[in-house]
Amino acid sequence: SEVVHTKFILFVLLFVLYFYFRWLSSLPKFIGYLFTITLLVTGLFESVLGLQQLYGFMPSNHGLFKLTGSFFNPGPYAGYLAVIMPMAFYYLLSDYNVFSRKFNSRYLLFYIRWIVSAISFVAILLVLPAAMSRAAWLAALVGCGVVYVFYSKPSFLFQKRELQPSTSKKLSKKRALSYALIVVFLV
């Protein structure tokens, strides 16, 4: 009975979170920019707190672990940083083109977001190995890889090819086998 109760609460919370993000996406773009900057700043805060704990300037929140951030356990702490890292990487890539233009005060929010993203990305990159969470490293690497692939749109993934049916089947089998081997290797 307790498991069903917990699952129901989790379902309700996910439902509320879905509508919260729907509401957030309907707000003006300025609010969305502030929300992303806020998330990046929390990632930066957590990583700086983790570095302070790592070097002994701040106490940990758990007696058995040296590095926990503001969390009680290094697992959720590393998981949170692994979620923020691809987001920081995305804004590093997408906001960089603002720097190719002459300075304009209208783009000040983009400048701020890029700088906060760069500092957050580097700080997370420094503290994530110390958390010793392989799952967080894998999540961060896969997340950054997905961001890079969909941001750069390489031609071998998004190119439409006209192949004859016999070679198409061979190519799709080879591609499926190579993807399966990559997934097995990563796991």
C-alpha atoms as a PDB file:
ATOM      1  CA  SER A   1       0.000   0.000   0.000  1.00  0.00           C
ATOM      2  CA  GLU A   2       2.880   2.358   0.769  1.00  0.00           C
ATOM      3  CA  VAL A   3       4.470   1.739  -2.657  1.00  0.00           C
ATOM      4  CA  VAL A   4       1.235   2.620  -4.438  1.00  0.00           C
ATOM      5  CA  HIS A   5       0.943   5.744  -2.346  1.00  0.00           C
ATOM      6  CA  THR A   6       4.493   6.830  -3.237  1.00  0.00           C
ATOM      7  CA  LYS A   7       3.925   6.136  -6.936  1.00  0.00           C
ATOM      8  CA  PHE A   8       0.720   8.141  -6.867  1.00  0.00           C
ATOM      9  CA  ILE A   9       2.474  11.084  -5.222  1.00  0.00           C
ATOM     10  CA  LEU A  10       5.264  10.893  -7.797  1.00  0.00           C
ATOM     11  CA  PHE A  11       2.714  10.847 -10.610  1.00  0.00           C
ATOM     12  CA  VAL A  12       0.927  13.893  -9.204  1.00  0.00           C
ATOM     13  CA  LEU A  13       4.222  15.757  -8.802  1.00  0.00           C
ATOM     14  CA  LEU A  14       5.214  14.973 -12.399  1.00  0.00           C
ATOM     15  CA  PHE A  15       1.790  16.159 -13.541  1.00  0.00           C
ATOM     16  CA  VAL A  16       2.242  19.439 -11.657  1.00  0.00           C
ATOM     17  CA  LEU A  17       5.776  19.803 -13.029  1.00  0.00           C
ATOM     18  CA  TYR A  18       4.500  19.326 -16.581  1.00  0.00           C
ATOM     19  CA  PHE A  19       1.938  22.094 -16.201  1.00  0.00           C
ATOM     20  CA  TYR A  20       4.492  24.304 -14.467  1.00  0.00           C
ATOM     21  CA  PHE A  21       6.811  24.057 -17.467  1.00  0.00           C
ATOM     22  CA  ARG A  22       3.894  24.619 -19.837  1.00  0.00           C
ATOM     23  CA  TRP A  23       3.014  27.777 -17.917  1.00  0.00           C
ATOM     24  CA  LEU A  24       6.656  28.836 -17.876  1.00  0.00           C
ATOM     25  CA  SER A  25       6.923  28.437 -21.652  1.00  0.00           C
ATOM     26  CA  SER A  26       3.897  30.703 -22.153  1.00  0.00           C
ATOM     27  CA  LEU A  27       5.513  33.597 -20.296  1.00  0.00           C
ATOM     28  CA  PRO A  28       7.496  36.298 -22.113  1.00  0.00           C
ATOM     29  CA  LYS A  29      10.969  35.336 -23.371  1.00  0.00           C
ATOM     30  CA  PHE A  30      12.636  37.551 -20.783  1.00  0.00           C
ATOM     31  CA  ILE A  31      11.278  35.322 -17.995  1.00  0.00           C
ATOM     32  CA  GLY A  32      12.595  32.239 -19.817  1.00  0.00           C
ATOM     33  CA  TYR A  33      16.051  33.807 -20.055  1.00  0.00           C
ATOM     34  CA  LEU A  34      15.984  34.616 -16.353  1.00  0.00           C
ATOM     35  CA  PHE A  35      14.880  31.067 -15.552  1.00  0.00           C
ATOM     36  CA  THR A  36      17.755  29.537 -17.522  1.00  0.00           C
ATOM     37  CA  ILE A  37      20.253  31.931 -15.953  1.00  0.00           C
ATOM     38  CA  THR A  38      18.862  31.012 -12.527  1.00  0.00           C
ATOM     39  CA  LEU A  39      19.359  27.297 -13.228  1.00  0.00           C
ATOM     40  CA  LEU A  40      22.892  27.935 -14.459  1.00  0.00           C
ATOM     41  CA  VAL A  41      23.679  30.009 -11.373  1.00  0.00           C
ATOM     42  CA  THR A  42      22.383  27.234  -9.091  1.00  0.00           C
ATOM     43  CA  GLY A  43      24.673  24.793 -10.902  1.00  0.00           C
ATOM     44  CA  LEU A  44      27.556  27.203 -10.430  1.00  0.00           C
ATOM     45  CA  PHE A  45      26.685  27.650  -6.752  1.00  0.00           C
ATOM     46  CA  GLU A  46      26.525  23.894  -6.196  1.00  0.00           C
ATOM     47  CA  SER A  47      29.821  23.260  -7.954  1.00  0.00           C
ATOM     48  CA  VAL A  48      31.603  26.038  -6.013  1.00  0.00           C
ATOM     49  CA  LEU A  49      30.146  24.661  -2.776  1.00  0.00           C
ATOM     50  CA  GLY A  50      31.387  21.206  -3.768  1.00  0.00           C
ATOM     51  CA  LEU A  51      34.865  22.537  -4.481  1.00  0.00           C
ATOM     52  CA  GLN A  52      34.898  24.257  -1.093  1.00  0.00           C
ATOM     53  CA  GLN A  53      33.898  20.978   0.573  1.00  0.00           C
ATOM     54  CA  LEU A  54      36.500  19.092  -1.411  1.00  0.00           C
ATOM     55  CA  TYR A  55      39.316  21.352  -0.256  1.00  0.00           C
ATOM     56  CA  GLY A  56      38.094  21.527   3.348  1.00  0.00           C
ATOM     57  CA  PHE A  57      36.794  25.087   3.465  1.00  0.00           C
ATOM     58  CA  MET A  58      33.175  23.995   4.082  1.00  0.00           C
ATOM     59  CA  PRO A  59      31.826  20.976   5.973  1.00  0.00           C
ATOM     60  CA  SER A  60      30.018  18.206   4.164  1.00  0.00           C
ATOM     61  CA  ASN A  61      26.363  17.415   4.881  1.00  0.00           C
ATOM     62  CA  HIS A  62      27.176  13.741   5.505  1.00  0.00           C
ATOM     63  CA  GLY A  63      29.762  12.242   7.794  1.00  0.00           C
ATOM     64  CA  LEU A  64      30.819   9.511   5.372  1.00  0.00           C
ATOM     65  CA  PHE A  65      31.198  11.641   2.252  1.00  0.00           C
ATOM     66  CA  LYS A  66      33.535  14.552   1.752  1.00  0.00           C
ATOM     67  CA  LEU A  67      31.603  16.041  -1.174  1.00  0.00           C
ATOM     68  CA  THR A  68      27.814  16.515  -1.075  1.00  0.00           C
ATOM     69  CA  GLY A  69      27.133  20.119  -2.070  1.00  0.00           C
ATOM     70  CA  SER A  70      23.910  21.246  -0.442  1.00  0.00           C
ATOM     71  CA  PHE A  71      22.537  17.690  -0.784  1.00  0.00           C
ATOM     72  CA  PHE A  72      22.806  14.934   1.816  1.00  0.00           C
ATOM     73  CA  ASN A  73      24.411  12.431  -0.548  1.00  0.00           C
ATOM     74  CA  PRO A  74      26.936  12.776  -3.404  1.00  0.00           C
ATOM     75  CA  GLY A  75      24.714  10.747  -5.766  1.00  0.00           C
ATOM     76  CA  PRO A  76      21.891  13.283  -6.145  1.00  0.00           C
ATOM     77  CA  TYR A  77      24.456  16.071  -6.041  1.00  0.00           C
ATOM     78  CA  ALA A  78      26.354  14.644  -9.009  1.00  0.00           C
ATOM     79  CA  GLY A  79      23.063  13.925 -10.773  1.00  0.00           C
ATOM     80  CA  TYR A  80      22.006  17.545 -10.445  1.00  0.00           C
ATOM     81  CA  LEU A  81      25.320  18.745 -11.824  1.00  0.00           C
ATOM     82  CA  ALA A  82      25.027  16.235 -14.674  1.00  0.00           C
ATOM     83  CA  VAL A  83      21.688  17.784 -15.645  1.00  0.00           C
ATOM     84  CA  ILE A  84      22.995  21.354 -15.572  1.00  0.00           C
ATOM     85  CA  MET A  85      26.177  20.576 -17.546  1.00  0.00           C
ATOM     86  CA  PRO A  86      24.496  19.880 -20.945  1.00  0.00           C
ATOM     87  CA  MET A  87      22.348  22.964 -20.496  1.00  0.00           C
ATOM     88  CA  ALA A  88      25.454  25.082 -19.922  1.00  0.00           C
ATOM     89  CA  PHE A  89      27.081  23.445 -22.952  1.00  0.00           C
ATOM     90  CA  TYR A  90      24.074  24.268 -25.111  1.00  0.00           C
ATOM     91  CA  TYR A  91      24.162  27.948 -24.182  1.00  0.00           C
ATOM     92  CA  LEU A  92      27.916  28.014 -24.733  1.00  0.00           C
ATOM     93  CA  LEU A  93      27.296  26.897 -28.309  1.00  0.00           C
ATOM     94  CA  SER A  94      24.145  28.863 -29.069  1.00  0.00           C
ATOM     95  CA  ASP A  95      25.059  32.220 -27.540  1.00  0.00           C
ATOM     96  CA  TYR A  96      28.607  32.318 -28.892  1.00  0.00           C
ATOM     97  CA  ASN A  97      27.523  33.932 -32.170  1.00  0.00           C
ATOM     98  CA  VAL A  98      26.604  37.080 -30.208  1.00  0.00           C
ATOM     99  CA  PHE A  99      30.317  37.668 -29.636  1.00  0.00           C
ATOM    100  CA  SER A 100      31.000  37.731 -33.379  1.00  0.00           C
ATOM    101  CA  ARG A 101      29.051  40.987 -33.672  1.00  0.00           C
ATOM    102  CA  LYS A 102      29.875  44.416 -32.361  1.00  0.00           C
ATOM    103  CA  PHE A 103      28.767  44.969 -28.750  1.00  0.00           C
ATOM    104  CA  ASN A 104      25.111  45.881 -28.504  1.00  0.00           C
ATOM    105  CA  SER A 105      23.305  46.526 -25.233  1.00  0.00           C
ATOM    106  CA  ARG A 106      20.211  44.749 -26.562  1.00  0.00           C
ATOM    107  CA  TYR A 107      22.162  41.485 -26.368  1.00  0.00           C
ATOM    108  CA  LEU A 108      23.329  42.026 -22.789  1.00  0.00           C
ATOM    109  CA  LEU A 109      21.262  39.104 -21.495  1.00  0.00           C
ATOM    110  CA  PHE A 110      22.910  36.808 -24.047  1.00  0.00           C
ATOM    111  CA  TYR A 111      26.363  38.002 -22.953  1.00  0.00           C
ATOM    112  CA  ILE A 112      25.485  37.350 -19.318  1.00  0.00           C
ATOM    113  CA  ARG A 113      24.021  33.923 -20.091  1.00  0.00           C
ATOM    114  CA  TRP A 114      27.095  32.916 -22.093  1.00  0.00           C
ATOM    115  CA  ILE A 115      29.494  34.027 -19.351  1.00  0.00           C
ATOM    116  CA  VAL A 116      27.485  32.261 -16.634  1.00  0.00           C
ATOM    117  CA  SER A 117      27.299  29.153 -18.846  1.00  0.00           C
ATOM    118  CA  ALA A 118      31.052  29.144 -19.414  1.00  0.00           C
ATOM    119  CA  ILE A 119      31.871  29.528 -15.725  1.00  0.00           C
ATOM    120  CA  SER A 120      29.260  26.914 -14.724  1.00  0.00           C
ATOM    121  CA  PHE A 121      30.476  24.422 -17.335  1.00  0.00           C
ATOM    122  CA  VAL A 122      34.096  24.716 -16.207  1.00  0.00           C
ATOM    123  CA  ALA A 123      33.207  24.544 -12.509  1.00  0.00           C
ATOM    124  CA  ILE A 124      31.026  21.465 -13.030  1.00  0.00           C
ATOM    125  CA  LEU A 125      33.763  19.882 -15.109  1.00  0.00           C
ATOM    126  CA  LEU A 126      36.164  20.403 -12.198  1.00  0.00           C
ATOM    127  CA  VAL A 127      33.935  19.044  -9.447  1.00  0.00           C
ATOM    128  CA  LEU A 128      32.120  16.176 -11.200  1.00  0.00           C
ATOM    129  CA  PRO A 129      35.071  13.721 -11.131  1.00  0.00           C
ATOM    130  CA  ALA A 130      35.449  14.249  -7.387  1.00  0.00           C
ATOM    131  CA  ALA A 131      31.833  13.191  -6.814  1.00  0.00           C
ATOM    132  CA  MET A 132      32.846   9.717  -8.073  1.00  0.00           C
ATOM    133  CA  SER A 133      29.522   9.000  -9.734  1.00  0.00           C
ATOM    134  CA  ARG A 134      29.881   7.021 -12.948  1.00  0.00           C
ATOM    135  CA  ALA A 135      26.198   7.464 -13.699  1.00  0.00           C
ATOM    136  CA  ALA A 136      26.534  11.237 -13.468  1.00  0.00           C
ATOM    137  CA  TRP A 137      29.569  11.203 -15.754  1.00  0.00           C
ATOM    138  CA  LEU A 138      27.727   9.051 -18.264  1.00  0.00           C
ATOM    139  CA  ALA A 139      24.647  11.291 -18.085  1.00  0.00           C
ATOM    140  CA  ALA A 140      26.747  14.435 -18.535  1.00  0.00           C
ATOM    141  CA  LEU A 141      28.709  12.986 -21.454  1.00  0.00           C
ATOM    142  CA  VAL A 142      25.623  11.644 -23.205  1.00  0.00           C
ATOM    143  CA  GLY A 143      23.751  14.901 -22.592  1.00  0.00           C
ATOM    144  CA  CYS A 144      26.611  17.006 -23.962  1.00  0.00           C
ATOM    145  CA  GLY A 145      26.951  14.597 -26.894  1.00  0.00           C
ATOM    146  CA  VAL A 146      23.273  14.911 -27.745  1.00  0.00           C
ATOM    147  CA  VAL A 147      23.490  18.695 -27.491  1.00  0.00           C
ATOM    148  CA  TYR A 148      26.506  18.731 -29.793  1.00  0.00           C
ATOM    149  CA  VAL A 149      24.947  16.376 -32.350  1.00  0.00           C
ATOM    150  CA  PHE A 150      21.667  18.256 -32.568  1.00  0.00           C
ATOM    151  CA  TYR A 151      23.345  21.650 -32.496  1.00  0.00           C
ATOM    152  CA  SER A 152      25.902  20.894 -35.209  1.00  0.00           C
ATOM    153  CA  LYS A 153      23.520  18.704 -37.288  1.00  0.00           C
ATOM    154  CA  PRO A 154      26.134  16.492 -38.948  1.00  0.00           C
ATOM    155  CA  SER A 155      25.314  15.505 -42.499  1.00  0.00           C
ATOM    156  CA  PHE A 156      25.742  11.767 -41.928  1.00  0.00           C
ATOM    157  CA  LEU A 157      22.798  11.774 -39.492  1.00  0.00           C
ATOM    158  CA  PHE A 158      20.423  14.218 -41.150  1.00  0.00           C
ATOM    159  CA  GLN A 159      21.121  13.637 -44.839  1.00  0.00           C
ATOM    160  CA  LYS A 160      18.445  11.947 -46.927  1.00  0.00           C
ATOM    161  CA  ARG A 161      19.898   9.332 -49.220  1.00  0.00           C
ATOM    162  CA  GLU A 162      18.387   7.690 -52.238  1.00  0.00           C
ATOM    163  CA  LEU A 163      19.560   4.090 -52.131  1.00  0.00           C
ATOM    164  CA  GLN A 164      18.402   0.970 -53.856  1.00  0.00           C
ATOM    165  CA  PRO A 165      16.353  -1.341 -51.626  1.00  0.00           C
ATOM    166  CA  SER A 166      19.003  -4.075 -51.355  1.00  0.00           C
ATOM    167  CA  THR A 167      21.790  -1.716 -50.266  1.00  0.00           C
ATOM    168  CA  SER A 168      19.393   0.156 -47.982  1.00  0.00           C
ATOM    169  CA  LYS A 169      18.689  -2.994 -45.975  1.00  0.00           C
ATOM    170  CA  LYS A 170      22.391  -3.812 -45.723  1.00  0.00           C
ATOM    171  CA  LEU A 171      23.198  -0.274 -44.653  1.00  0.00           C
ATOM    172  CA  SER A 172      20.438  -0.160 -42.062  1.00  0.00           C
ATOM    173  CA  LYS A 173      21.545  -3.510 -40.609  1.00  0.00           C
ATOM    174  CA  LYS A 174      25.138  -2.299 -40.408  1.00  0.00           C
ATOM    175  CA  ARG A 175      24.038   0.970 -38.841  1.00  0.00           C
ATOM    176  CA  ALA A 176      21.799  -0.819 -36.316  1.00  0.00           C
ATOM    177  CA  LEU A 177      24.622  -3.206 -35.430  1.00  0.00           C
ATOM    178  CA  SER A 178      27.089  -0.360 -34.967  1.00  0.00           C
ATOM    179  CA  TYR A 179      24.654   1.565 -32.750  1.00  0.00           C
ATOM    180  CA  ALA A 180      24.007  -1.550 -30.687  1.00  0.00           C
ATOM    181  CA  LEU A 181      27.748  -2.129 -30.232  1.00  0.00           C
ATOM    182  CA  ILE A 182      28.237   1.478 -29.150  1.00  0.00           C
ATOM    183  CA  VAL A 183      25.442   1.181 -26.574  1.00  0.00           C
ATOM    184  CA  VAL A 184      26.840  -2.127 -25.253  1.00  0.00           C
ATOM    185  CA  PHE A 185      30.309  -0.598 -25.057  1.00  0.00           C
ATOM    186  CA  LEU A 186      29.044   2.430 -23.141  1.00  0.00           C
ATOM    187  CA  VAL A 187      27.062   0.351 -20.666  1.00  0.00           C
END
